[in-house]
């Protein structure tokens, strides 16, 4: 049984940040891939495992961090590669409805969901077969190359996928490898050391792997029941049953697999890091707000965060909505709090927080006419911010507040700006839901 989900959508949907998605690659890399891959390519993602080693009740591919399941990150990685035409996700029968819900909720497109088998090889073969055979037995246009990749390896770069794909087309098969971290030993039946392998002569087989479609399809048709039951290595099947010796390509360290519970925390940290490399400071056009924004830009740049300062999100500045994940609204009086609401509305209209939580920080500086520090925010501002932040959090947008006390003394004022910069960077990098709606003191 198969189910097809093909969302129409376009390339204007929110992009995936960082090194684990092709969408953030430079344009020249995209064009290079488009020019060189002039043949159909598809992906098979086996996702039928139970995830017993994580120690969690939920299979790891469906475990959620930052309000999104792991498998969605992996799908997005391939979905954003312009020369990949279709993706097959192979899941256990009991997970079919959950998988279809994930596809609809996060607007994934061109994704075919099929039932898995009782073993890894059976599941992969189901996915491979679905690329050329419809549910009712009708023929589909098969791809030239099929990439097989684990659903729990979300961090793979487009340029490496291109290397695997081109090598597979030329050699018939290609696969990622990594140096062994530990020495491999063989033990006796009694539990004693038999012998060890010379580590420098061996490599760890990783994913992704690529194949000419007919090679991997025929390998599965010809392989034995024992292969289906106990085997795990697709490259071995291509060699043994089709005589196709795979080209091995050393991959980057980011190819690691989420295996244990701690790996989920590591994956979340990687995503947070890539979301936190830049910010956009909005001033509203006020001279005092602009002065503070420029000072924050200098301080935050020293903390390794790229910062742009703009007056508003109108016209050309509106492009920030489609590329930025972090916004800081500087206000010099309480009435400007409505500007935070305008940023929030623009983000919601653009569906910007569909894939990742977006951060908005309201920096409050109430300055009197003579330039001195004025009154504290009235009871209405903190209450309004809490109400706004509570609703925004439901839409995956995190709203924080920082109150800055103005000082005429340059050294003290500089320290205050430094503190606001440090707090802003920390809020952006931590993305803590617990602090939303709070007006923190700098």
Protein backbone atom coordinates (compact mmCIF):
# COMPACT_ATOMS: atom_id res chain seq x y z
CA UNK A 1 0.00 0.00 0.00
CA UNK A 2 1.26 3.49 -0.82
CA UNK A 3 0.01 6.99 -0.23
CA UNK A 4 1.13 9.99 -2.20
CA UNK A 5 1.33 13.49 -0.83
CA UNK A 6 2.23 16.14 -3.37
CA UNK A 7 1.86 19.66 -2.03
CA UNK A 8 1.95 22.31 -4.73
CA UNK A 9 3.69 25.19 -2.92
CA UNK A 10 6.69 27.07 -4.31
CA UNK A 11 10.23 27.98 -3.41
CA UNK A 12 9.06 30.98 -1.37
CA UNK A 13 8.19 28.85 1.66
CA UNK A 14 10.34 29.42 4.77
CA UNK A 15 13.87 28.24 4.20
CA UNK A 16 15.92 25.89 6.27
CA UNK A 17 18.91 27.50 7.95
CA UNK A 18 22.44 26.35 8.38
CA UNK A 19 24.65 23.58 7.14
CA UNK A 20 22.00 20.88 7.27
CA UNK A 21 19.92 22.25 4.40
CA UNK A 22 20.56 22.94 0.76
CA UNK A 23 18.40 26.06 0.73
CA UNK A 24 21.04 28.16 2.41
CA UNK A 25 23.74 27.15 -0.08
CA UNK A 26 25.08 29.89 -2.30
CA UNK A 27 23.40 30.45 -5.65
CA UNK A 28 26.45 29.36 -7.61
CA UNK A 29 26.34 25.94 -5.94
CA UNK A 30 22.66 25.61 -6.84
CA UNK A 31 23.35 26.51 -10.44
CA UNK A 32 26.27 24.09 -10.58
CA UNK A 33 24.02 21.30 -9.33
CA UNK A 34 21.23 22.19 -11.74
CA UNK A 35 23.63 22.26 -14.68
CA UNK A 36 25.35 18.97 -13.90
CA UNK A 37 22.35 16.88 -12.79
CA UNK A 38 20.36 16.60 -16.01
CA UNK A 39 18.75 13.28 -15.11
CA UNK A 40 15.98 12.30 -12.65
CA UNK A 41 17.05 11.66 -9.05
CA UNK A 42 14.92 10.33 -6.20
CA UNK A 43 15.51 9.61 -2.51
CA UNK A 44 14.45 6.71 -0.30
CA UNK A 45 14.36 7.36 3.46
CA UNK A 46 13.88 4.20 5.55
CA UNK A 47 12.06 5.31 8.71
CA UNK A 48 10.53 2.15 10.09
CA UNK A 49 12.85 1.58 13.05
CA UNK A 50 11.61 1.35 16.61
CA UNK A 51 14.45 3.41 18.07
CA UNK A 52 15.00 1.09 21.03
CA UNK A 53 18.49 2.46 21.74
CA UNK A 54 17.14 5.92 22.54
CA UNK A 55 15.26 4.48 25.52
CA UNK A 56 12.15 6.44 24.51
CA UNK A 57 8.64 5.18 23.78
CA UNK A 58 8.49 7.25 20.59
CA UNK A 59 10.66 6.05 17.68
CA UNK A 60 13.54 8.52 17.31
CA UNK A 61 12.56 9.62 13.80
CA UNK A 62 9.33 10.98 15.27
CA UNK A 63 10.89 12.55 18.37
CA UNK A 64 10.35 16.31 18.45
CA UNK A 65 12.68 19.16 19.24
CA UNK A 66 11.98 22.85 18.65
CA UNK A 67 8.37 21.85 17.95
CA UNK A 68 9.25 19.69 14.96
CA UNK A 69 9.90 15.95 14.50
CA UNK A 70 13.37 14.79 13.48
CA UNK A 71 12.21 13.23 10.23
CA UNK A 72 10.81 16.56 9.06
CA UNK A 73 14.30 18.07 9.24
CA UNK A 74 15.66 15.24 7.10
CA UNK A 75 12.89 15.54 4.52
CA UNK A 76 13.46 19.28 4.31
CA UNK A 77 17.15 18.74 3.66
CA UNK A 78 16.36 16.80 0.47
CA UNK A 79 13.27 18.77 -0.44
CA UNK A 80 15.34 21.91 -0.84
CA UNK A 81 17.78 20.34 -3.31
CA UNK A 82 16.48 21.61 -6.66
CA UNK A 83 17.56 18.60 -8.72
CA UNK A 84 15.87 15.96 -6.53
CA UNK A 85 12.42 15.26 -7.90
CA UNK A 86 10.80 12.95 -5.36
CA UNK A 87 11.24 11.51 -1.89
CA UNK A 88 9.99 8.15 -0.63
CA UNK A 89 9.58 7.71 3.12
CA UNK A 90 9.24 4.11 4.32
CA UNK A 91 7.46 3.74 7.67
CA UNK A 92 5.93 1.01 9.77
CA UNK A 93 2.26 0.45 9.08
CA UNK A 94 1.25 1.77 12.48
CA UNK A 95 3.12 5.04 11.80
CA UNK A 96 1.50 5.79 8.45
CA UNK A 97 -1.11 8.24 9.77
CA UNK A 98 1.49 10.03 11.89
CA UNK A 99 3.80 10.39 8.90
CA UNK A 100 1.04 11.76 6.70
CA UNK A 101 0.13 14.27 9.42
CA UNK A 102 3.76 15.47 9.55
CA UNK A 103 3.81 15.93 5.78
CA UNK A 104 0.64 17.99 5.82
CA UNK A 105 1.52 20.02 8.91
CA UNK A 106 4.93 21.12 7.64
CA UNK A 107 3.89 21.48 4.00
CA UNK A 108 6.28 18.90 2.60
CA UNK A 109 5.87 18.26 -1.10
CA UNK A 110 6.47 15.43 -3.56
CA UNK A 111 6.70 12.89 -0.75
CA UNK A 112 5.56 9.32 -1.25
CA UNK A 113 4.85 7.32 1.91
CA UNK A 114 4.99 3.52 1.75
CA UNK A 115 4.76 0.70 4.25
CA UNK A 116 7.98 -0.80 5.49
CA UNK A 117 8.93 -4.44 5.82
CA UNK A 118 10.03 -6.54 8.76
CA UNK A 119 13.75 -5.75 8.20
CA UNK A 120 15.83 -2.86 6.93
CA UNK A 121 16.49 -4.38 3.50
CA UNK A 122 12.82 -5.26 3.02
CA UNK A 123 11.84 -1.70 3.87
CA UNK A 124 14.39 -0.18 1.50
CA UNK A 125 13.30 -2.51 -1.30
CA UNK A 126 9.68 -1.43 -0.76
CA UNK A 127 10.80 2.17 -1.17
CA UNK A 128 12.91 1.46 -4.24
CA UNK A 129 10.13 -0.55 -5.86
CA UNK A 130 7.58 2.23 -5.22
CA UNK A 131 9.61 4.54 -7.45
CA UNK A 132 8.84 2.43 -10.53
CA UNK A 133 5.64 0.58 -9.55
CA UNK A 134 2.40 2.21 -8.46
CA UNK A 135 0.14 0.88 -5.73
CA UNK A 136 -2.06 -0.77 -8.30
CA UNK A 137 0.86 -2.24 -10.21
CA UNK A 138 0.97 0.48 -12.84
CA UNK A 139 4.39 1.61 -14.04
CA UNK A 140 5.95 4.88 -12.94
CA UNK A 141 8.80 6.73 -14.62
CA UNK A 142 11.79 5.47 -12.68
CA UNK A 143 14.68 7.75 -11.73
CA UNK A 144 18.15 7.38 -13.18
CA UNK A 145 19.74 7.53 -9.71
CA UNK A 146 18.25 6.77 -6.32
CA UNK A 147 19.81 8.04 -3.09
CA UNK A 148 19.28 5.95 0.04
CA UNK A 149 19.66 7.82 3.31
CA UNK A 150 18.68 7.26 6.94
CA UNK A 151 15.72 9.30 8.15
CA UNK A 152 17.62 10.03 11.36
CA UNK A 153 20.60 11.71 9.67
CA UNK A 154 19.32 15.26 9.08
CA UNK A 155 22.66 17.02 8.57
CA UNK A 156 23.81 16.39 5.01
CA UNK A 157 24.99 19.06 2.60
CA UNK A 158 23.86 19.52 -0.98
CA UNK A 159 27.41 19.55 -2.33
CA UNK A 160 28.08 16.12 -0.81
CA UNK A 161 24.80 14.78 -2.20
CA UNK A 162 25.96 16.00 -5.58
CA UNK A 163 29.25 14.09 -5.24
CA UNK A 164 27.40 10.88 -4.33
CA UNK A 165 24.88 11.31 -7.14
CA UNK A 166 27.44 11.94 -9.88
CA UNK A 167 29.68 9.10 -8.70
CA UNK A 168 26.69 6.74 -8.64
CA UNK A 169 25.77 7.70 -12.20
CA UNK A 170 29.33 7.09 -13.40
CA UNK A 171 30.19 3.97 -11.36
CA UNK A 172 26.75 2.44 -10.76
CA UNK A 173 27.01 2.85 -6.98
CA UNK A 174 28.61 5.22 -4.49
CA UNK A 175 28.62 5.57 -0.74
CA UNK A 176 29.81 7.75 2.09
CA UNK A 177 32.53 6.55 4.43
CA UNK A 178 34.16 7.92 7.56
CA UNK A 179 37.36 7.00 9.43
CA UNK A 180 36.91 4.51 12.25
CA UNK A 181 36.93 6.13 15.67
CA UNK A 182 37.62 2.97 17.66
CA UNK A 183 39.63 -0.16 16.94
CA UNK A 184 37.51 -3.13 15.80
CA UNK A 185 38.21 -6.45 17.49
CA UNK A 186 36.99 -10.03 17.08
CA UNK A 187 36.16 -12.10 20.18
CA UNK A 188 36.12 -15.80 20.85
CA UNK A 189 32.98 -17.64 21.85
CA UNK A 190 34.26 -17.57 25.42
CA UNK A 191 34.47 -13.79 25.42
CA UNK A 192 38.22 -13.37 24.96
CA UNK A 193 40.13 -11.36 22.38
CA UNK A 194 40.67 -13.26 19.16
CA UNK A 195 42.28 -10.57 17.03
CA UNK A 196 42.05 -6.89 16.16
CA UNK A 197 41.88 -5.12 12.84
CA UNK A 198 44.34 -2.49 11.71
CA UNK A 199 42.17 0.58 11.96
CA UNK A 200 43.89 2.55 9.18
CA UNK A 201 42.88 -0.09 6.61
CA UNK A 202 39.14 0.08 7.38
CA UNK A 203 36.38 2.68 7.16
CA UNK A 204 32.91 3.04 8.58
CA UNK A 205 30.14 2.81 5.98
CA UNK A 206 27.78 5.77 6.30
CA UNK A 207 24.85 7.30 4.50
CA UNK A 208 23.95 8.63 1.97
CA UNK A 209 24.49 5.98 -0.69
CA UNK A 210 23.60 6.37 -4.35
CA UNK A 211 22.81 3.82 -7.05
CA UNK A 212 21.82 3.59 -10.65
CA UNK A 213 18.19 2.62 -10.16
CA UNK A 214 18.40 -0.63 -12.13
CA UNK A 215 21.48 -1.73 -10.14
CA UNK A 216 19.89 -1.54 -6.70
CA UNK A 217 16.54 -2.84 -7.97
CA UNK A 218 18.12 -5.92 -9.55
CA UNK A 219 20.34 -6.47 -6.51
CA UNK A 220 17.25 -6.73 -4.32
CA UNK A 221 15.49 -8.99 -6.82
CA UNK A 222 18.45 -11.37 -6.85
CA UNK A 223 19.50 -11.35 -3.19
CA UNK A 224 18.80 -14.22 -0.83
CA UNK A 225 16.30 -14.51 1.99
CA UNK A 226 19.24 -14.42 4.39
CA UNK A 227 20.31 -11.08 2.94
CA UNK A 228 16.83 -9.70 3.47
CA UNK A 229 16.67 -11.03 7.01
CA UNK A 230 20.12 -10.19 8.35
CA UNK A 231 21.84 -7.85 5.91
CA UNK A 232 22.20 -4.08 6.35
CA UNK A 233 24.67 -2.95 3.66
CA UNK A 234 23.21 -1.92 0.29
CA UNK A 235 26.63 -1.45 -1.33
CA UNK A 236 27.44 -5.10 -0.63
CA UNK A 237 24.29 -6.25 -2.43
CA UNK A 238 25.20 -4.18 -5.50
CA UNK A 239 28.66 -5.77 -5.55
CA UNK A 240 27.60 -9.34 -4.85
CA UNK A 241 24.57 -9.56 -7.12
CA UNK A 242 25.28 -7.03 -9.87
CA UNK A 243 29.08 -6.89 -9.90
CA UNK A 244 28.95 -3.15 -9.27
CA UNK A 245 31.85 -1.96 -7.14
CA UNK A 246 30.88 1.26 -5.40
CA UNK A 247 32.93 4.43 -5.42
CA UNK A 248 33.61 5.35 -1.77
CA UNK A 249 33.70 9.03 -0.84
CA UNK A 250 34.82 10.31 2.54
CA UNK A 251 32.05 12.38 4.02
CA UNK A 252 32.01 15.27 6.52
CA UNK A 253 31.55 14.77 10.28
CA UNK A 254 27.96 16.08 9.98
CA UNK A 255 26.79 12.72 8.59
CA UNK A 256 26.34 11.33 12.10
CA UNK A 257 23.21 9.42 13.00
CA UNK A 258 20.79 10.17 15.83
CA UNK A 259 21.00 6.94 17.81
CA UNK A 260 20.72 7.73 21.51
CA UNK A 261 18.65 10.18 23.53
CA UNK A 262 21.65 12.48 23.96
CA UNK A 263 21.93 12.71 20.16
CA UNK A 264 18.54 14.42 20.05
CA UNK A 265 19.89 17.10 22.39
CA UNK A 266 22.96 17.45 20.19
CA UNK A 267 20.78 17.81 17.08
CA UNK A 268 18.74 20.51 18.79
CA UNK A 269 21.93 22.36 19.70
CA UNK A 270 23.09 22.28 16.08
CA UNK A 271 19.77 23.65 14.87
CA UNK A 272 19.80 26.39 17.50
CA UNK A 273 23.35 27.34 16.55
CA UNK A 274 22.48 27.71 12.88
CA UNK A 275 19.38 29.75 13.75
CA UNK A 276 21.42 32.11 15.92
CA UNK A 277 24.10 33.40 13.60
CA UNK A 278 22.41 36.70 12.74
CA UNK A 279 19.75 39.17 13.83
CA UNK A 280 17.88 42.17 12.45
CA UNK A 281 17.48 45.27 14.63
CA UNK A 282 14.46 47.43 13.78
CA UNK A 283 14.56 51.06 14.95
CA UNK A 284 11.32 52.56 13.73
CA UNK A 285 13.29 55.52 12.39
CA UNK A 286 13.87 57.23 15.74
CA UNK A 287 17.29 58.85 16.12
CA UNK A 288 17.68 57.60 19.70
CA UNK A 289 16.59 54.09 18.71
CA UNK A 290 19.01 54.12 15.78
CA UNK A 291 21.88 55.21 18.02
CA UNK A 292 21.15 52.37 20.43
CA UNK A 293 20.72 49.91 17.55
CA UNK A 294 24.11 50.83 16.10
CA UNK A 295 25.71 50.35 19.51
CA UNK A 296 24.03 46.94 19.83
CA UNK A 297 25.25 46.04 16.36
CA UNK A 298 28.85 46.69 17.37
CA UNK A 299 28.52 44.80 20.66
CA UNK A 300 26.71 41.80 19.17
CA UNK A 301 29.16 41.59 16.28
CA UNK A 302 31.92 41.25 18.87
CA UNK A 303 29.93 38.25 20.19
CA UNK A 304 30.09 36.59 16.74
CA UNK A 305 26.57 37.49 15.69
CA UNK A 306 25.97 39.26 12.38
CA UNK A 307 23.54 42.16 12.86
CA UNK A 308 21.70 44.37 10.37
CA UNK A 309 20.07 47.63 11.41
CA UNK A 310 16.96 48.77 9.50
CA UNK A 311 14.33 51.40 10.16
CA UNK A 312 11.31 49.25 9.33
CA UNK A 313 10.15 46.14 7.48
CA UNK A 314 8.67 48.01 4.52
CA UNK A 315 9.82 47.88 0.90
CA UNK A 316 13.26 46.38 0.35
CA UNK A 317 13.65 45.89 4.12
CA UNK A 318 10.78 43.39 4.01
CA UNK A 319 13.27 40.87 2.57
CA UNK A 320 14.47 40.38 6.13
CA UNK A 321 11.25 38.52 6.87
CA UNK A 322 12.19 35.75 4.45
CA UNK A 323 15.81 35.29 5.50
CA UNK A 324 16.06 36.20 9.18
CA UNK A 325 15.13 34.18 12.27
CA UNK A 326 15.77 36.83 14.95
CA UNK A 327 14.42 40.36 15.32
CA UNK A 328 15.13 43.07 17.89
CA UNK A 329 12.70 45.98 18.09
CA UNK A 330 14.21 49.04 19.80
CA UNK A 331 11.60 51.38 21.29
CA UNK A 332 12.21 54.68 23.04
CA UNK A 333 8.75 55.01 24.53
CA UNK A 334 5.95 52.72 25.54
CA UNK A 335 3.70 53.55 22.60
CA UNK A 336 6.20 51.89 20.23
CA UNK A 337 5.33 48.47 21.66
CA UNK A 338 2.78 48.22 18.88
CA UNK A 339 5.74 47.86 16.49
CA UNK A 340 6.43 44.46 17.99
CA UNK A 341 2.88 43.54 17.09
CA UNK A 342 3.50 44.63 13.51
CA UNK A 343 6.60 42.43 13.24
CA UNK A 344 4.63 39.55 14.71
CA UNK A 345 1.80 40.07 12.24
CA UNK A 346 4.18 40.19 9.28
CA UNK A 347 5.88 36.97 10.40
CA UNK A 348 2.55 35.21 10.85
CA UNK A 349 1.34 36.37 7.44
CA UNK A 350 4.54 35.03 5.85
CA UNK A 351 4.21 31.73 7.78
CA UNK A 352 7.83 32.33 8.77
CA UNK A 353 7.73 30.19 11.93
CA UNK A 354 6.40 27.06 10.23
CA UNK A 355 9.73 25.23 10.37
CA UNK A 356 11.63 26.90 13.22
CA UNK A 357 10.91 29.16 16.20
CA UNK A 358 11.46 32.85 15.44
CA UNK A 359 12.68 35.23 18.16
CA UNK A 360 11.47 38.81 18.69
CA UNK A 361 13.16 40.86 21.43
CA UNK A 362 11.60 44.16 22.51
CA UNK A 363 14.32 46.47 23.88
CA UNK A 364 12.55 49.13 25.95
CA UNK A 365 14.26 52.49 26.51
CA UNK A 366 12.03 55.22 27.87
CA UNK A 367 13.90 58.51 27.63
CA UNK A 368 12.66 61.91 28.78
CA UNK A 369 13.01 65.07 26.73
CA UNK A 370 16.21 66.10 28.52
CA UNK A 371 17.77 62.73 27.73
CA UNK A 372 17.52 61.33 31.23
CA UNK A 373 15.98 58.04 32.22
CA UNK A 374 12.23 58.41 32.47
CA UNK A 375 9.50 56.45 34.16
CA UNK A 376 9.21 52.70 34.33
CA UNK A 377 6.83 50.98 31.92
CA UNK A 378 3.30 51.27 33.17
CA UNK A 379 1.40 48.18 34.24
CA UNK A 380 -0.20 48.00 30.81
CA UNK A 381 2.99 47.38 28.82
CA UNK A 382 4.24 44.25 30.63
CA UNK A 383 0.72 42.85 30.74
CA UNK A 384 0.20 43.53 27.04
CA UNK A 385 3.54 41.96 26.18
CA UNK A 386 2.75 38.84 28.20
CA UNK A 387 -0.60 38.51 26.46
CA UNK A 388 1.00 39.01 23.05
CA UNK A 389 3.85 36.59 23.81
CA UNK A 390 1.46 33.89 25.03
CA UNK A 391 -0.45 33.98 21.76
CA UNK A 392 2.72 34.24 19.67
CA UNK A 393 4.21 31.16 21.31
CA UNK A 394 1.31 29.11 19.99
CA UNK A 395 2.50 30.11 16.53
CA UNK A 396 6.14 29.17 17.26
CA UNK A 397 7.25 32.80 17.73
CA UNK A 398 9.11 33.62 20.95
CA UNK A 399 8.71 37.18 22.25
CA UNK A 400 11.02 38.53 24.99
CA UNK A 401 11.50 41.95 26.56
CA UNK A 402 14.56 43.79 27.90
CA UNK A 403 14.38 47.09 29.77
CA UNK A 404 17.43 49.31 29.44
CA UNK A 405 18.14 52.08 31.96
CA UNK A 406 19.67 55.11 30.27
CA UNK A 407 22.72 56.78 31.74
CA UNK A 408 24.44 60.06 30.80
CA UNK A 409 27.74 58.64 32.04
CA UNK A 410 29.45 57.16 28.98
CA UNK A 411 31.20 54.26 30.71
CA UNK A 412 28.08 53.16 32.56
CA UNK A 413 25.98 53.52 29.42
CA UNK A 414 28.48 51.43 27.46
CA UNK A 415 28.28 48.68 30.06
CA UNK A 416 24.49 48.74 29.89
CA UNK A 417 24.56 48.36 26.11
CA UNK A 418 27.02 45.47 26.47
CA UNK A 419 24.66 43.77 28.88
CA UNK A 420 21.71 44.17 26.53
CA UNK A 421 23.82 42.70 23.72
CA UNK A 422 24.83 39.73 25.88
CA UNK A 423 21.24 39.14 27.01
CA UNK A 424 19.94 39.38 23.44
CA UNK A 425 22.51 36.88 22.17
CA UNK A 426 21.68 34.51 25.03
CA UNK A 427 17.92 34.72 24.40
CA UNK A 428 18.44 34.13 20.69
CA UNK A 429 20.76 31.16 21.22
CA UNK A 430 18.80 29.50 24.03
CA UNK A 431 15.30 30.06 22.57
CA UNK A 432 13.77 29.29 25.96
CA UNK A 433 9.95 29.20 25.93
CA UNK A 434 9.96 29.74 29.70
CA UNK A 435 11.19 33.34 29.40
CA UNK A 436 8.73 34.53 26.75
CA UNK A 437 6.64 37.51 27.78
CA UNK A 438 9.09 38.53 30.51
CA UNK A 439 10.50 42.06 30.75
CA UNK A 440 14.09 41.44 31.82
CA UNK A 441 16.25 44.13 33.42
CA UNK A 442 19.59 45.03 31.84
